[in-house]
Protein backbone atom coordinates (compact mmCIF):
# COMPACT_ATOMS: atom_id res chain seq x y z
CA MET A 1 233.23 39.67 164.82
CA ASN A 2 235.00 43.05 164.93
CA GLU A 3 233.10 45.47 162.70
CA GLU A 4 234.38 48.96 161.98
CA ARG A 5 232.27 51.61 163.69
CA THR A 6 230.18 53.82 161.40
CA PRO A 7 230.94 57.54 161.80
CA ILE A 8 227.88 59.64 162.68
CA ALA A 9 227.21 63.32 161.97
CA LEU A 10 224.27 65.48 163.04
CA THR A 11 222.90 68.41 161.07
CA VAL A 12 220.96 71.09 162.94
CA ALA A 13 219.30 73.11 160.20
CA GLY A 14 216.16 74.01 158.29
CA SER A 15 214.36 71.94 155.69
CA ASP A 16 214.32 72.85 151.98
CA SER A 17 211.24 71.52 150.20
CA GLY A 18 213.12 71.78 146.90
CA GLY A 19 215.77 69.38 148.18
CA GLY A 20 218.78 71.46 147.19
CA ALA A 21 219.85 73.02 150.48
CA GLY A 22 219.24 72.64 154.21
CA ILE A 23 218.99 69.25 155.85
CA GLN A 24 218.28 67.59 152.52
CA ALA A 25 221.63 68.72 151.12
CA ASP A 26 223.35 67.90 154.41
CA LEU A 27 222.09 64.32 154.57
CA LYS A 28 222.95 63.71 150.91
CA THR A 29 226.46 64.98 151.59
CA PHE A 30 226.92 62.82 154.68
CA ALA A 31 225.84 59.79 152.66
CA ALA A 32 228.26 60.64 149.86
CA PHE A 33 231.10 60.61 152.42
CA GLU A 34 229.85 57.29 153.88
CA VAL A 35 228.85 58.95 157.14
CA TYR A 36 225.56 58.14 158.86
CA GLY A 37 223.48 61.32 158.99
CA ALA A 38 221.05 62.37 161.71
CA SER A 39 219.09 65.61 161.81
CA ALA A 40 217.51 68.13 164.16
CA LEU A 41 215.07 70.34 162.29
CA THR A 42 214.94 74.05 163.18
CA ALA A 43 212.50 75.31 160.57
CA VAL A 44 210.34 74.16 157.69
CA THR A 45 210.69 76.28 154.56
CA ALA A 46 208.62 76.30 151.40
CA GLN A 47 211.22 76.93 148.73
CA ASN A 48 212.44 75.91 145.31
CA THR A 49 215.13 77.09 142.90
CA LEU A 50 213.34 80.44 142.54
CA GLY A 51 213.09 81.44 146.18
CA VAL A 52 211.54 81.00 149.62
CA THR A 53 207.79 81.51 149.96
CA ALA A 54 207.18 80.52 153.60
CA ILE A 55 209.09 79.76 156.82
CA HIS A 56 207.75 78.02 159.91
CA GLU A 57 210.08 77.75 162.91
CA VAL A 58 210.11 74.57 164.98
CA PRO A 59 209.38 75.22 168.68
CA VAL A 60 212.55 75.61 170.74
CA ASP A 61 211.73 72.72 173.07
CA VAL A 62 211.33 70.40 170.06
CA VAL A 63 214.72 71.51 168.70
CA ARG A 64 216.28 70.66 172.07
CA ALA A 65 214.51 67.30 172.18
CA GLN A 66 215.78 66.32 168.72
CA ILE A 67 219.39 67.01 169.68
CA ASP A 68 219.00 65.09 172.93
CA ALA A 69 217.41 62.13 171.15
CA VAL A 70 220.35 61.78 168.78
CA ALA A 71 223.03 62.44 171.40
CA THR A 72 221.72 59.95 173.97
CA ASP A 73 221.37 57.03 171.57
CA LEU A 74 223.28 57.39 168.31
CA GLY A 75 226.02 59.73 169.48
CA MET A 76 227.65 62.20 167.10
CA ASP A 77 231.23 62.41 165.90
CA ALA A 78 230.62 65.83 164.36
CA VAL A 79 227.80 68.37 164.24
CA LYS A 80 227.00 70.90 161.54
CA THR A 81 224.66 73.85 162.07
CA GLY A 82 222.93 75.68 159.25
CA MET A 83 219.75 77.76 159.33
CA LEU A 84 218.99 78.56 162.96
CA SER A 85 216.54 81.42 162.30
CA SER A 86 216.23 83.03 165.75
CA ALA A 87 218.20 83.98 168.85
CA GLY A 88 216.09 81.58 170.91
CA ILE A 89 216.94 78.61 168.71
CA ILE A 90 220.62 79.56 168.68
CA GLU A 91 220.68 79.73 172.48
CA ALA A 92 218.95 76.35 172.78
CA VAL A 93 221.28 74.68 170.27
CA ALA A 94 224.39 76.10 171.92
CA GLU A 95 223.22 75.00 175.36
CA ARG A 96 222.52 71.42 174.27
CA LEU A 97 225.77 71.09 172.31
CA GLU A 98 227.67 72.30 175.37
CA PHE A 99 225.75 69.88 177.59
CA HIS A 100 226.61 66.93 175.33
CA GLY A 101 230.25 67.96 175.05
CA VAL A 102 230.35 68.35 171.27
CA GLY A 103 233.92 69.12 170.23
CA GLN A 104 233.72 68.92 166.44
CA LEU A 105 231.20 71.60 165.53
CA VAL A 106 231.03 73.17 162.07
CA VAL A 107 229.04 76.41 161.98
CA ASP A 108 227.67 77.54 158.63
CA PRO A 109 226.38 81.03 159.55
CA VAL A 110 223.40 80.91 157.20
CA MET A 111 221.83 84.34 156.88
CA VAL A 112 220.35 84.72 153.39
CA ALA A 113 219.09 82.19 150.84
CA LYS A 114 220.52 82.09 147.31
CA GLY A 115 217.53 84.05 146.03
CA GLY A 116 217.99 86.81 148.64
CA ASP A 117 215.42 85.71 151.22
CA ARG A 118 216.55 86.26 154.83
CA LEU A 119 216.97 83.05 156.87
CA LEU A 120 218.39 84.55 160.09
CA ARG A 121 216.70 87.35 161.97
CA GLU A 122 218.83 90.46 162.30
CA ASP A 123 218.66 90.33 166.09
CA ALA A 124 220.00 86.77 166.05
CA VAL A 125 223.42 87.65 164.63
CA ALA A 126 224.65 88.76 168.07
CA ALA A 127 223.56 85.42 169.58
CA LEU A 128 225.38 83.55 166.82
CA VAL A 129 228.58 85.46 167.61
CA SER A 130 228.37 85.25 171.40
CA ARG A 131 226.96 81.73 171.87
CA LEU A 132 227.81 79.56 168.88
CA LEU A 133 231.08 80.76 167.39
CA PRO A 134 233.03 80.12 170.62
CA LEU A 135 231.94 76.46 170.42
CA ALA A 136 232.92 76.01 166.77
CA LEU A 137 235.91 74.05 165.57
CA VAL A 138 235.24 75.41 162.07
CA CYS A 139 233.14 78.32 160.76
CA THR A 140 232.42 78.54 157.02
CA PRO A 141 231.05 82.00 156.04
CA ASN A 142 230.78 83.18 152.47
CA ALA A 143 231.90 86.72 151.70
CA GLY A 144 228.55 88.29 152.54
CA GLU A 145 228.23 86.42 155.84
CA ALA A 146 231.81 87.26 156.77
CA ALA A 147 231.07 90.92 156.06
CA VAL A 148 228.06 90.89 158.39
CA LEU A 149 230.03 89.15 161.16
CA CYS A 150 232.97 91.57 160.83
CA GLY A 151 231.07 94.72 160.00
CA ARG A 152 233.15 95.53 156.92
CA PRO A 153 233.20 94.59 153.20
CA VAL A 154 234.78 91.33 152.01
CA GLU A 155 235.45 91.74 148.30
CA THR A 156 239.12 90.82 147.88
CA MET A 157 241.44 88.07 149.07
CA GLY A 158 243.12 90.51 151.43
CA GLU A 159 239.75 91.41 152.98
CA ALA A 160 238.89 87.71 153.21
CA ARG A 161 242.08 87.09 155.19
CA ASP A 162 241.31 90.02 157.49
CA ALA A 163 237.78 88.72 158.02
CA ALA A 164 239.04 85.23 158.81
CA GLN A 165 241.32 86.65 161.48
CA ALA A 166 238.53 88.77 162.93
CA ILE A 167 236.10 85.84 163.12
CA HIS A 168 238.82 83.69 164.69
CA GLY A 169 239.06 86.39 167.33
CA MET A 170 235.39 85.82 168.15
CA GLY A 171 236.31 82.36 169.46
CA CYS A 172 236.09 80.05 166.44
CA ARG A 173 239.22 77.90 166.20
CA ASN A 174 239.33 77.63 162.39
CA VAL A 175 237.67 79.95 159.88
CA VAL A 176 237.12 79.29 156.17
CA VAL A 177 236.04 82.37 154.21
CA LYS A 178 234.68 81.02 150.94
CA GLY A 179 235.64 82.72 147.68
CA GLY A 180 232.60 81.94 145.59
CA HIS A 181 231.39 85.55 145.58
CA PHE A 182 234.58 87.42 144.66
CA GLY A 183 237.75 87.08 142.58
CA GLU A 184 238.45 85.60 139.16
CA ASP A 185 238.76 82.09 140.62
CA ALA A 186 236.87 80.61 143.57
CA VAL A 187 239.58 80.60 146.25
CA ASP A 188 238.65 79.67 149.83
CA VAL A 189 241.00 80.75 152.61
CA LEU A 190 241.43 78.90 155.92
CA PHE A 191 242.87 80.59 159.01
CA ASP A 192 243.74 78.38 161.99
CA GLY A 193 245.01 81.10 164.31
CA ARG A 194 248.58 80.80 163.05
CA ALA A 195 248.66 80.54 159.28
CA PHE A 196 246.53 80.89 156.16
CA THR A 197 245.91 78.07 153.69
CA GLU A 198 244.29 78.71 150.32
CA PHE A 199 242.10 76.24 148.43
CA PRO A 200 241.76 77.37 144.80
CA ALA A 201 239.33 76.12 142.18
CA ARG A 202 238.29 77.34 138.77
CA ARG A 203 235.07 79.32 138.67
CA ILE A 204 232.34 77.37 136.86
CA ALA A 205 229.80 79.22 134.70
CA THR A 206 226.52 77.72 135.92
CA THR A 207 223.28 78.50 137.72
CA SER A 208 223.47 75.20 139.65
CA THR A 209 224.72 76.72 142.90
CA HIS A 210 221.78 76.33 145.29
CA GLY A 211 222.97 74.73 148.51
CA THR A 212 226.71 75.17 147.98
CA GLY A 213 227.23 76.58 151.49
CA CYS A 214 225.22 73.82 153.17
CA THR A 215 227.01 71.17 151.14
CA PHE A 216 230.47 72.55 151.84
CA ALA A 217 229.95 72.78 155.61
CA SER A 218 228.43 69.30 155.72
CA ALA A 219 231.33 67.88 153.76
CA VAL A 220 233.73 69.43 156.28
CA ALA A 221 231.71 67.91 159.13
CA ALA A 222 231.72 64.52 157.40
CA GLY A 223 235.49 64.67 157.05
CA LEU A 224 235.87 65.48 160.73
CA ALA A 225 233.50 62.63 161.63
CA ARG A 226 235.85 60.36 159.69
CA ALA A 227 238.77 61.59 161.87
CA ASN A 228 240.40 63.79 159.22
CA THR A 229 242.30 66.92 160.20
CA VAL A 230 240.60 70.27 159.65
CA GLU A 231 242.85 71.08 156.69
CA ASP A 232 242.20 67.70 155.05
CA ALA A 233 238.45 67.97 155.70
CA VAL A 234 238.36 71.42 154.08
CA ALA A 235 240.41 70.24 151.08
CA GLN A 236 238.10 67.26 150.52
CA ALA A 237 235.02 69.45 150.92
CA LYS A 238 236.34 71.94 148.36
CA ALA A 239 237.03 69.19 145.82
CA TYR A 240 233.63 67.58 146.43
CA VAL A 241 231.64 70.80 146.03
CA THR A 242 233.55 71.80 142.89
CA ALA A 243 232.80 68.44 141.27
CA ALA A 244 229.16 68.54 142.43
CA ILE A 245 228.70 71.95 140.80
CA ALA A 246 230.43 70.86 137.59
CA GLY A 247 228.32 67.69 137.37
CA ALA A 248 224.95 69.25 138.18
CA PRO A 249 222.15 68.77 135.63
CA PRO A 250 219.74 71.67 135.02
CA ILE A 251 216.88 71.42 137.54
CA GLY A 252 214.25 74.12 138.09
CA GLY A 253 213.95 77.60 136.65
CA GLY A 254 216.32 79.43 139.01
CA HIS A 255 219.43 78.50 140.98
CA GLY A 256 219.46 74.72 140.65
CA PRO A 257 220.91 72.21 143.14
CA LEU A 258 224.30 70.53 143.04
CA HIS A 259 224.74 66.89 142.06
CA HIS A 260 225.58 65.36 145.44
CA PHE A 261 226.02 61.88 143.98
CA HIS A 262 227.95 62.84 140.87
CA ALA A 263 230.52 60.12 141.50
CA TRP A 264 227.91 57.35 141.72
CA TRP A 265 225.02 58.11 139.38
CA SER A 266 225.32 56.95 135.79
CA ARG A 267 224.93 59.49 133.02
CA GLU A 268 222.82 56.91 131.18
CA PRO A 269 219.08 56.88 131.99
CA ALA A 270 217.83 54.00 134.15
CA THR A 271 216.09 51.19 132.28
């Protein structure tokens, strides 16, 4: 019997106890794209829609061991990184991904939570640039993250394009600067080293935006795991996140989560 192989994606990220971001959002997204999701946990956070109240980093040797465990048995068609917290964790992750020959890496350069809490130490930004970006097939910064990486403001589409080019120059092969934090519409711009491609969407008036960055990067990784091109994976991710924001029910008292299974869950209550 010839069964089609199941695509597999690994998320290397922190845990969100509120379930809206981090590995929880990543695994939900993988499942929505019919990709088997594995995870390597980098930190445990106590957080909800209002903010982060505690962070506990996972020991570096345990982070390494998780990646090795997945790579040596399940394999991984794509890898997505999220919250990496420290320079030591970044170095360990980069070393293991290099060792296992990961070619389809999506780097979400998570720095600050939706509520403003810092998730990447300031001294770790240099390690992210020098060790991880050169391994990335795709990097997905929002405007604030792009500004930190480039050292200049990103508040217009022109500045987003300039930032994408600058980050590409750091070694990342494709850069998507997300437009959720500037402009009348939410327009993401992809630079592949040769040309720009824009992915527009209407801006949705909502507070259900917790985990949008995690979800977008994971959707890109899922598309790559399913053998899509980078441009197609980004287009599908953009459409998925837009629909997940639009379909999100109000949860919590702050920035609520997206509806990762908006296409499957019934609007009618279960009986």
